[in-house]
Amino acid sequence: MEETQKIRALVAEDEESFLRVLTTVLEATQLFEVYPCESGDEAVETLKRASFDVIILDHKMPGLTGLNVLQWLHEQKSETPVIMLTGAGSENIAVEAMKLGAYDYLRKDQFDKSHFPILVRGVYERYLFRKDKERLEQTMREREKNIAAINMIINSVASLSDVIQMAIARLAFLSDESELQLRTYVQAGGREKLEHYFHQLREELETLAFASKSMVGVPASSTETIQSTTASSQTNPAQHDQAPQKLPSVH
């Protein structure tokens, strides 16, 4: 069976022992591929070279702090979910991090090695769910634009069809009048040919009338196809609301 792709996590923490703990706890679940960094500067350089599924930043590091790195990510328009590690009494840091786009934060004094992998994976799942929702909404907007454009075409074609129908009706009326008037000038032997000519003319006019009516049905069927496709998309929501895979215990 094909191995599940691991979640690529960048962890930036200047305290070497705690960085080792974070890395070990995540890798022990066999769900994460961890890239440890010992400073914010190293984290930025690593982020310039590679992409990750989730980023974990200690807010207090020498050089570039976690907030500095988060600000840099914000300037780069990065959408990668970020978890900020804060200290006790650093609620203002957490608030600032959330304003800059962090998905969550964790106080280091409340660190729980069994809960930490669940927190990280939960943040990643939320990110995937949001991206799926955004893609669905974008698809819906594009389909609505297409439907609006087709409706405009339908209205234009319907108006044109009405004009054509009126013109055909007028031609049919004139052809009938012309046939009656010409009968008086045509000898008995030529009336059969005259009737045959006007019969063909009426058939051509009927064909044109049928074709003009059919013009309205073509774009209408296209709208129905788009609407049915949209309905089927709405009945197939993203699968991220399923229960997450149970994480192996970490001893």
C-alpha atoms as a PDB file:
ATOM      1  CA  MET A   1       0.000   0.000   0.000  1.00  0.00           C
ATOM      2  CA  GLU A   2       1.290   3.457  -0.870  1.00  0.00           C
ATOM      3  CA  GLU A   3       2.798   5.322   2.074  1.00  0.00           C
ATOM      4  CA  THR A   4       0.921   8.450   3.183  1.00  0.00           C
ATOM      5  CA  GLN A   5       2.812  11.629   2.348  1.00  0.00           C
ATOM      6  CA  LYS A   6       4.207  13.192   5.492  1.00  0.00           C
ATOM      7  CA  ILE A   7       3.442  16.739   6.602  1.00  0.00           C
ATOM      8  CA  ARG A   8       6.507  18.958   6.076  1.00  0.00           C
ATOM      9  CA  ALA A   9       6.971  21.050   9.224  1.00  0.00           C
ATOM     10  CA  LEU A  10       9.571  23.777   9.789  1.00  0.00           C
ATOM     11  CA  VAL A  11      10.290  24.363  13.494  1.00  0.00           C
ATOM     12  CA  ALA A  12      12.255  27.436  14.602  1.00  0.00           C
ATOM     13  CA  GLU A  13      13.353  27.422  18.265  1.00  0.00           C
ATOM     14  CA  ASP A  14      16.599  28.861  19.675  1.00  0.00           C
ATOM     15  CA  GLU A  15      16.610  26.647  22.780  1.00  0.00           C
ATOM     16  CA  GLU A  16      18.398  23.533  21.532  1.00  0.00           C
ATOM     17  CA  SER A  17      16.928  21.071  24.044  1.00  0.00           C
ATOM     18  CA  PHE A  18      13.353  22.219  23.454  1.00  0.00           C
ATOM     19  CA  LEU A  19      13.905  22.180  19.680  1.00  0.00           C
ATOM     20  CA  ARG A  20      15.018  18.579  20.005  1.00  0.00           C
ATOM     21  CA  VAL A  21      11.881  17.736  22.011  1.00  0.00           C
ATOM     22  CA  LEU A  22       9.576  19.357  19.443  1.00  0.00           C
ATOM     23  CA  THR A  23      11.301  17.538  16.592  1.00  0.00           C
ATOM     24  CA  THR A  24      11.269  14.161  18.354  1.00  0.00           C
ATOM     25  CA  VAL A  25       7.617  14.412  19.408  1.00  0.00           C
ATOM     26  CA  LEU A  26       6.460  15.193  15.875  1.00  0.00           C
ATOM     27  CA  GLU A  27       8.645  12.630  14.132  1.00  0.00           C
ATOM     28  CA  ALA A  28       7.603   9.903  16.598  1.00  0.00           C
ATOM     29  CA  THR A  29       4.092   9.970  15.103  1.00  0.00           C
ATOM     30  CA  GLN A  30       5.564   9.108  11.665  1.00  0.00           C
ATOM     31  CA  LEU A  31       3.225  11.710  10.204  1.00  0.00           C
ATOM     32  CA  PHE A  32       5.688  14.594  10.058  1.00  0.00           C
ATOM     33  CA  GLU A  33       8.930  15.385   8.286  1.00  0.00           C
ATOM     34  CA  VAL A  34      10.546  18.018  10.510  1.00  0.00           C
ATOM     35  CA  TYR A  35      13.100  20.657   9.472  1.00  0.00           C
ATOM     36  CA  PRO A  36      14.562  22.214  12.666  1.00  0.00           C
ATOM     37  CA  CYS A  37      16.020  25.746  12.705  1.00  0.00           C
ATOM     38  CA  GLU A  38      17.842  27.324  15.646  1.00  0.00           C
ATOM     39  CA  SER A  39      17.037  30.947  14.791  1.00  0.00           C
ATOM     40  CA  GLY A  40      14.614  33.156  12.936  1.00  0.00           C
ATOM     41  CA  ASP A  41      17.318  34.081  10.439  1.00  0.00           C
ATOM     42  CA  GLU A  42      17.930  30.414   9.641  1.00  0.00           C
ATOM     43  CA  ALA A  43      14.185  29.889   9.289  1.00  0.00           C
ATOM     44  CA  VAL A  44      13.875  32.717   6.730  1.00  0.00           C
ATOM     45  CA  GLU A  45      16.818  31.392   4.713  1.00  0.00           C
ATOM     46  CA  THR A  46      15.285  27.910   4.741  1.00  0.00           C
ATOM     47  CA  LEU A  47      11.885  29.276   3.697  1.00  0.00           C
ATOM     48  CA  LYS A  48      13.525  31.047   0.762  1.00  0.00           C
ATOM     49  CA  ARG A  49      14.784  27.692  -0.533  1.00  0.00           C
ATOM     50  CA  ALA A  50      11.889  25.345   0.222  1.00  0.00           C
ATOM     51  CA  SER A  51       8.170  25.206   0.924  1.00  0.00           C
ATOM     52  CA  PHE A  52       6.469  23.624   3.942  1.00  0.00           C
ATOM     53  CA  ASP A  53       3.014  22.501   4.998  1.00  0.00           C
ATOM     54  CA  VAL A  54       3.148  24.098   8.454  1.00  0.00           C
ATOM     55  CA  ILE A  55       5.545  26.455  10.282  1.00  0.00           C
ATOM     56  CA  ILE A  56       6.162  26.553  14.052  1.00  0.00           C
ATOM     57  CA  LEU A  57       7.921  29.664  15.408  1.00  0.00           C
ATOM     58  CA  ASP A  58       9.209  30.577  18.849  1.00  0.00           C
ATOM     59  CA  HIS A  59       8.287  34.220  19.376  1.00  0.00           C
ATOM     60  CA  LYS A  60      11.487  35.043  21.304  1.00  0.00           C
ATOM     61  CA  MET A  61      14.722  34.316  19.421  1.00  0.00           C
ATOM     62  CA  PRO A  62      17.960  36.261  18.937  1.00  0.00           C
ATOM     63  CA  GLY A  63      18.098  38.185  15.682  1.00  0.00           C
ATOM     64  CA  LEU A  64      14.784  37.769  13.884  1.00  0.00           C
ATOM     65  CA  THR A  65      12.014  36.947  16.347  1.00  0.00           C
ATOM     66  CA  GLY A  66       9.052  34.740  15.573  1.00  0.00           C
ATOM     67  CA  LEU A  67       6.952  37.840  14.927  1.00  0.00           C
ATOM     68  CA  ASN A  68       9.640  39.144  12.558  1.00  0.00           C
ATOM     69  CA  VAL A  69       9.542  35.896  10.609  1.00  0.00           C
ATOM     70  CA  LEU A  70       5.735  35.962  10.592  1.00  0.00           C
ATOM     71  CA  GLN A  71       5.820  39.556   9.329  1.00  0.00           C
ATOM     72  CA  TRP A  72       8.221  38.472   6.569  1.00  0.00           C
ATOM     73  CA  LEU A  73       5.869  35.647   5.611  1.00  0.00           C
ATOM     74  CA  HIS A  74       2.996  38.136   5.538  1.00  0.00           C
ATOM     75  CA  GLU A  75       4.978  40.411   3.204  1.00  0.00           C
ATOM     76  CA  GLN A  76       5.735  37.427   0.954  1.00  0.00           C
ATOM     77  CA  LYS A  77       1.975  36.708   0.820  1.00  0.00           C
ATOM     78  CA  SER A  78       2.644  33.213   2.116  1.00  0.00           C
ATOM     79  CA  GLU A  79      -0.439  31.181   3.010  1.00  0.00           C
ATOM     80  CA  THR A  80       1.429  28.478   4.928  1.00  0.00           C
ATOM     81  CA  PRO A  81      -0.223  28.011   8.361  1.00  0.00           C
ATOM     82  CA  VAL A  82       1.865  29.224  11.321  1.00  0.00           C
ATOM     83  CA  ILE A  83       1.792  28.243  14.993  1.00  0.00           C
ATOM     84  CA  MET A  84       3.444  30.706  17.397  1.00  0.00           C
ATOM     85  CA  LEU A  85       5.139  29.462  20.575  1.00  0.00           C
ATOM     86  CA  THR A  86       4.825  32.018  23.367  1.00  0.00           C
ATOM     87  CA  GLY A  87       5.816  32.302  27.013  1.00  0.00           C
ATOM     88  CA  ALA A  88       3.649  32.783  30.089  1.00  0.00           C
ATOM     89  CA  GLY A  89       2.111  36.264  30.192  1.00  0.00           C
ATOM     90  CA  SER A  90       2.716  36.840  26.479  1.00  0.00           C
ATOM     91  CA  GLU A  91      -0.923  37.087  25.462  1.00  0.00           C
ATOM     92  CA  ASN A  92      -0.220  40.328  23.611  1.00  0.00           C
ATOM     93  CA  ILE A  93       2.330  38.479  21.462  1.00  0.00           C
ATOM     94  CA  ALA A  94      -0.278  35.834  20.658  1.00  0.00           C
ATOM     95  CA  VAL A  95      -2.806  38.505  19.688  1.00  0.00           C
ATOM     96  CA  GLU A  96      -0.262  40.228  17.449  1.00  0.00           C
ATOM     97  CA  ALA A  97       0.635  36.905  15.844  1.00  0.00           C
ATOM     98  CA  MET A  98      -3.003  36.143  15.070  1.00  0.00           C
ATOM     99  CA  LYS A  99      -3.387  39.603  13.507  1.00  0.00           C
ATOM    100  CA  LEU A 100      -0.448  38.803  11.217  1.00  0.00           C
ATOM    101  CA  GLY A 101      -2.115  35.595  10.076  1.00  0.00           C
ATOM    102  CA  ALA A 102      -0.989  32.904  12.528  1.00  0.00           C
ATOM    103  CA  TYR A 103      -3.449  30.023  12.728  1.00  0.00           C
ATOM    104  CA  ASP A 104      -2.834  29.238  16.393  1.00  0.00           C
ATOM    105  CA  TYR A 105      -0.451  29.720  19.316  1.00  0.00           C
ATOM    106  CA  LEU A 106       0.840  27.585  22.174  1.00  0.00           C
ATOM    107  CA  ARG A 107       2.228  28.677  25.517  1.00  0.00           C
ATOM    108  CA  LYS A 108       5.470  26.816  26.140  1.00  0.00           C
ATOM    109  CA  ASP A 109       4.653  26.345  29.816  1.00  0.00           C
ATOM    110  CA  GLN A 110       1.506  24.456  28.733  1.00  0.00           C
ATOM    111  CA  PHE A 111       3.321  22.178  26.282  1.00  0.00           C
ATOM    112  CA  ASP A 112       1.970  18.615  26.243  1.00  0.00           C
ATOM    113  CA  LYS A 113       3.930  16.146  24.117  1.00  0.00           C
ATOM    114  CA  SER A 114       0.855  13.966  23.488  1.00  0.00           C
ATOM    115  CA  HIS A 115      -1.339  16.908  22.439  1.00  0.00           C
ATOM    116  CA  PHE A 116       1.247  18.851  20.424  1.00  0.00           C
ATOM    117  CA  PRO A 117       1.145  16.639  17.278  1.00  0.00           C
ATOM    118  CA  ILE A 118      -2.671  16.790  17.349  1.00  0.00           C
ATOM    119  CA  LEU A 119      -2.520  20.592  17.515  1.00  0.00           C
ATOM    120  CA  VAL A 120      -0.105  20.812  14.578  1.00  0.00           C
ATOM    121  CA  ARG A 121      -2.061  18.385  12.423  1.00  0.00           C
ATOM    122  CA  GLY A 122      -5.323  20.111  13.325  1.00  0.00           C
ATOM    123  CA  VAL A 123      -3.911  23.440  12.113  1.00  0.00           C
ATOM    124  CA  TYR A 124      -2.826  21.819   8.856  1.00  0.00           C
ATOM    125  CA  GLU A 125      -6.270  20.230   8.389  1.00  0.00           C
ATOM    126  CA  ARG A 126      -7.931  23.623   8.940  1.00  0.00           C
ATOM    127  CA  TYR A 127      -5.650  25.110   6.294  1.00  0.00           C
ATOM    128  CA  LEU A 128      -6.563  22.377   3.785  1.00  0.00           C
ATOM    129  CA  PHE A 129     -10.270  22.815   4.524  1.00  0.00           C
ATOM    130  CA  ARG A 130     -10.026  26.574   3.990  1.00  0.00           C
ATOM    131  CA  LYS A 131      -8.182  26.126   0.678  1.00  0.00           C
ATOM    132  CA  ASP A 132     -10.786  23.618  -0.543  1.00  0.00           C
ATOM    133  CA  LYS A 133     -13.541  26.029   0.436  1.00  0.00           C
ATOM    134  CA  GLU A 134     -11.824  28.894  -1.395  1.00  0.00           C
ATOM    135  CA  ARG A 135     -11.396  26.761  -4.524  1.00  0.00           C
ATOM    136  CA  LEU A 136     -15.069  25.751  -4.428  1.00  0.00           C
ATOM    137  CA  GLU A 137     -16.171  29.371  -3.973  1.00  0.00           C
ATOM    138  CA  GLN A 138     -13.954  30.459  -6.876  1.00  0.00           C
ATOM    139  CA  THR A 139     -15.420  27.717  -9.064  1.00  0.00           C
ATOM    140  CA  MET A 140     -18.935  28.810  -8.091  1.00  0.00           C
ATOM    141  CA  ARG A 141     -18.151  32.450  -8.941  1.00  0.00           C
ATOM    142  CA  GLU A 142     -16.783  31.458 -12.360  1.00  0.00           C
ATOM    143  CA  ARG A 143     -19.851  29.336 -13.097  1.00  0.00           C
ATOM    144  CA  GLU A 144     -22.166  32.158 -12.063  1.00  0.00           C
ATOM    145  CA  LYS A 145     -20.329  34.456 -14.480  1.00  0.00           C
ATOM    146  CA  ASN A 146     -20.695  31.859 -17.239  1.00  0.00           C
ATOM    147  CA  ILE A 147     -24.405  31.457 -16.525  1.00  0.00           C
ATOM    148  CA  ALA A 148     -24.885  35.236 -16.566  1.00  0.00           C
ATOM    149  CA  ALA A 149     -23.062  35.462 -19.913  1.00  0.00           C
ATOM    150  CA  ILE A 150     -25.153  32.647 -21.388  1.00  0.00           C
ATOM    151  CA  ASN A 151     -28.367  34.249 -20.111  1.00  0.00           C
ATOM    152  CA  MET A 152     -27.350  37.454 -21.864  1.00  0.00           C
ATOM    153  CA  ILE A 153     -26.798  35.479 -25.070  1.00  0.00           C
ATOM    154  CA  ILE A 154     -30.174  33.773 -24.617  1.00  0.00           C
ATOM    155  CA  ASN A 155     -31.914  37.129 -24.295  1.00  0.00           C
ATOM    156  CA  SER A 156     -30.126  38.469 -27.364  1.00  0.00           C
ATOM    157  CA  VAL A 157     -30.886  35.353 -29.409  1.00  0.00           C
ATOM    158  CA  ALA A 158     -34.531  35.413 -28.237  1.00  0.00           C
ATOM    159  CA  SER A 159     -34.849  39.033 -29.354  1.00  0.00           C
ATOM    160  CA  LEU A 160     -33.240  38.214 -32.698  1.00  0.00           C
ATOM    161  CA  SER A 161     -35.510  35.179 -33.086  1.00  0.00           C
ATOM    162  CA  ASP A 162     -38.567  37.359 -32.510  1.00  0.00           C
ATOM    163  CA  VAL A 163     -37.433  39.750 -35.230  1.00  0.00           C
ATOM    164  CA  ILE A 164     -36.782  36.855 -37.610  1.00  0.00           C
ATOM    165  CA  GLN A 165     -40.186  35.306 -36.838  1.00  0.00           C
ATOM    166  CA  MET A 166     -41.927  38.603 -37.568  1.00  0.00           C
ATOM    167  CA  ALA A 167     -40.004  38.992 -40.827  1.00  0.00           C
ATOM    168  CA  ILE A 168     -40.825  35.429 -41.883  1.00  0.00           C
ATOM    169  CA  ALA A 169     -44.509  35.939 -41.072  1.00  0.00           C
ATOM    170  CA  ARG A 170     -44.485  39.114 -43.157  1.00  0.00           C
ATOM    171  CA  LEU A 171     -42.823  37.311 -46.071  1.00  0.00           C
ATOM    172  CA  ALA A 172     -45.347  34.463 -45.842  1.00  0.00           C
ATOM    173  CA  PHE A 173     -48.202  36.946 -45.969  1.00  0.00           C
ATOM    174  CA  LEU A 174     -46.691  38.777 -48.959  1.00  0.00           C
ATOM    175  CA  SER A 175     -46.029  35.503 -50.770  1.00  0.00           C
ATOM    176  CA  ASP A 176     -49.690  34.490 -50.388  1.00  0.00           C
ATOM    177  CA  GLU A 177     -50.844  37.873 -51.695  1.00  0.00           C
ATOM    178  CA  SER A 178     -48.350  37.744 -54.567  1.00  0.00           C
ATOM    179  CA  GLU A 179     -49.503  34.260 -55.570  1.00  0.00           C
ATOM    180  CA  LEU A 180     -53.135  35.409 -55.731  1.00  0.00           C
ATOM    181  CA  GLN A 181     -52.256  38.482 -57.766  1.00  0.00           C
ATOM    182  CA  LEU A 182     -50.016  36.574 -60.187  1.00  0.00           C
ATOM    183  CA  ARG A 183     -52.677  33.951 -60.853  1.00  0.00           C
ATOM    184  CA  THR A 184     -54.647  36.497 -62.864  1.00  0.00           C
ATOM    185  CA  TYR A 185     -51.672  37.088 -65.196  1.00  0.00           C
ATOM    186  CA  VAL A 186     -50.623  33.448 -65.651  1.00  0.00           C
ATOM    187  CA  GLN A 187     -52.217  31.177 -68.199  1.00  0.00           C
ATOM    188  CA  ALA A 188     -53.847  27.976 -67.060  1.00  0.00           C
ATOM    189  CA  GLY A 189     -50.832  25.872 -68.073  1.00  0.00           C
ATOM    190  CA  GLY A 190     -48.442  27.954 -66.015  1.00  0.00           C
ATOM    191  CA  ARG A 191     -50.438  28.036 -62.795  1.00  0.00           C
ATOM    192  CA  GLU A 192     -49.201  24.598 -61.756  1.00  0.00           C
ATOM    193  CA  LYS A 193     -45.597  25.820 -61.965  1.00  0.00           C
ATOM    194  CA  LEU A 194     -46.552  28.979 -60.083  1.00  0.00           C
ATOM    195  CA  GLU A 195     -48.168  26.967 -57.294  1.00  0.00           C
ATOM    196  CA  HIS A 196     -45.121  24.694 -57.144  1.00  0.00           C
ATOM    197  CA  TYR A 197     -42.810  27.730 -56.866  1.00  0.00           C
ATOM    198  CA  PHE A 198     -44.794  29.300 -54.008  1.00  0.00           C
ATOM    199  CA  HIS A 199     -45.120  25.930 -52.287  1.00  0.00           C
ATOM    200  CA  GLN A 200     -41.299  25.653 -52.247  1.00  0.00           C
ATOM    201  CA  LEU A 201     -41.052  29.227 -50.995  1.00  0.00           C
ATOM    202  CA  ARG A 202     -43.418  28.476 -48.086  1.00  0.00           C
ATOM    203  CA  GLU A 203     -41.416  25.371 -47.201  1.00  0.00           C
ATOM    204  CA  GLU A 204     -38.204  27.430 -47.087  1.00  0.00           C
ATOM    205  CA  LEU A 205     -39.893  29.998 -44.866  1.00  0.00           C
ATOM    206  CA  GLU A 206     -41.108  27.245 -42.520  1.00  0.00           C
ATOM    207  CA  THR A 207     -37.556  25.859 -42.337  1.00  0.00           C
ATOM    208  CA  LEU A 208     -36.219  29.314 -41.455  1.00  0.00           C
ATOM    209  CA  ALA A 209     -38.915  29.739 -38.804  1.00  0.00           C
ATOM    210  CA  PHE A 210     -38.046  26.379 -37.216  1.00  0.00           C
ATOM    211  CA  ALA A 211     -34.308  27.211 -37.272  1.00  0.00           C
ATOM    212  CA  SER A 212     -34.840  30.573 -35.596  1.00  0.00           C
ATOM    213  CA  LYS A 213     -36.865  28.923 -32.808  1.00  0.00           C
ATOM    214  CA  SER A 214     -34.130  26.302 -32.327  1.00  0.00           C
ATOM    215  CA  MET A 215     -31.552  29.066 -31.831  1.00  0.00           C
ATOM    216  CA  VAL A 216     -33.132  29.875 -28.452  1.00  0.00           C
ATOM    217  CA  GLY A 217     -32.938  26.290 -27.179  1.00  0.00           C
ATOM    218  CA  VAL A 218     -29.178  25.797 -27.712  1.00  0.00           C
ATOM    219  CA  PRO A 219     -27.853  28.353 -25.146  1.00  0.00           C
ATOM    220  CA  ALA A 220     -30.646  27.393 -22.741  1.00  0.00           C
ATOM    221  CA  SER A 221     -29.430  23.776 -22.709  1.00  0.00           C
ATOM    222  CA  SER A 222     -25.900  25.042 -21.993  1.00  0.00           C
ATOM    223  CA  THR A 223     -27.185  26.902 -18.938  1.00  0.00           C
ATOM    224  CA  GLU A 224     -28.941  23.770 -17.683  1.00  0.00           C
ATOM    225  CA  THR A 225     -25.690  21.800 -18.060  1.00  0.00           C
ATOM    226  CA  ILE A 226     -23.710  24.338 -16.008  1.00  0.00           C
ATOM    227  CA  GLN A 227     -26.414  24.503 -13.344  1.00  0.00           C
ATOM    228  CA  SER A 228     -26.569  20.704 -13.017  1.00  0.00           C
ATOM    229  CA  THR A 229     -22.763  20.564 -12.715  1.00  0.00           C
ATOM    230  CA  THR A 230     -22.875  23.234 -10.013  1.00  0.00           C
ATOM    231  CA  ALA A 231     -25.527  21.294  -8.108  1.00  0.00           C
ATOM    232  CA  SER A 232     -23.418  18.117  -8.204  1.00  0.00           C
ATOM    233  CA  SER A 233     -20.410  20.047  -6.862  1.00  0.00           C
ATOM    234  CA  GLN A 234     -22.469  21.292  -3.927  1.00  0.00           C
ATOM    235  CA  THR A 235     -23.477  17.733  -3.031  1.00  0.00           C
ATOM    236  CA  ASN A 236     -19.806  16.625  -2.861  1.00  0.00           C
ATOM    237  CA  PRO A 237     -18.240  18.692  -0.050  1.00  0.00           C
ATOM    238  CA  ALA A 238     -14.572  18.468   0.956  1.00  0.00           C
ATOM    239  CA  GLN A 239     -13.590  15.355   2.821  1.00  0.00           C
ATOM    240  CA  HIS A 240     -11.684  17.151   5.578  1.00  0.00           C
ATOM    241  CA  ASP A 241     -14.599  16.935   7.976  1.00  0.00           C
ATOM    242  CA  GLN A 242     -13.828  13.261   8.484  1.00  0.00           C
ATOM    243  CA  ALA A 243     -12.343  12.179  11.782  1.00  0.00           C
ATOM    244  CA  PRO A 244      -8.556  12.720  11.773  1.00  0.00           C
ATOM    245  CA  GLN A 245      -6.252   9.760  11.877  1.00  0.00           C
ATOM    246  CA  LYS A 246      -5.430   8.730  15.426  1.00  0.00           C
ATOM    247  CA  LEU A 247      -1.880   9.721  16.328  1.00  0.00           C
ATOM    248  CA  PRO A 248       0.431   7.104  17.791  1.00  0.00           C
ATOM    249  CA  SER A 249       1.191   7.679  21.467  1.00  0.00           C
ATOM    250  CA  VAL A 250       4.527   9.283  22.309  1.00  0.00           C
ATOM    251  CA  HIS A 251       6.402   7.907  25.300  1.00  0.00           C
END
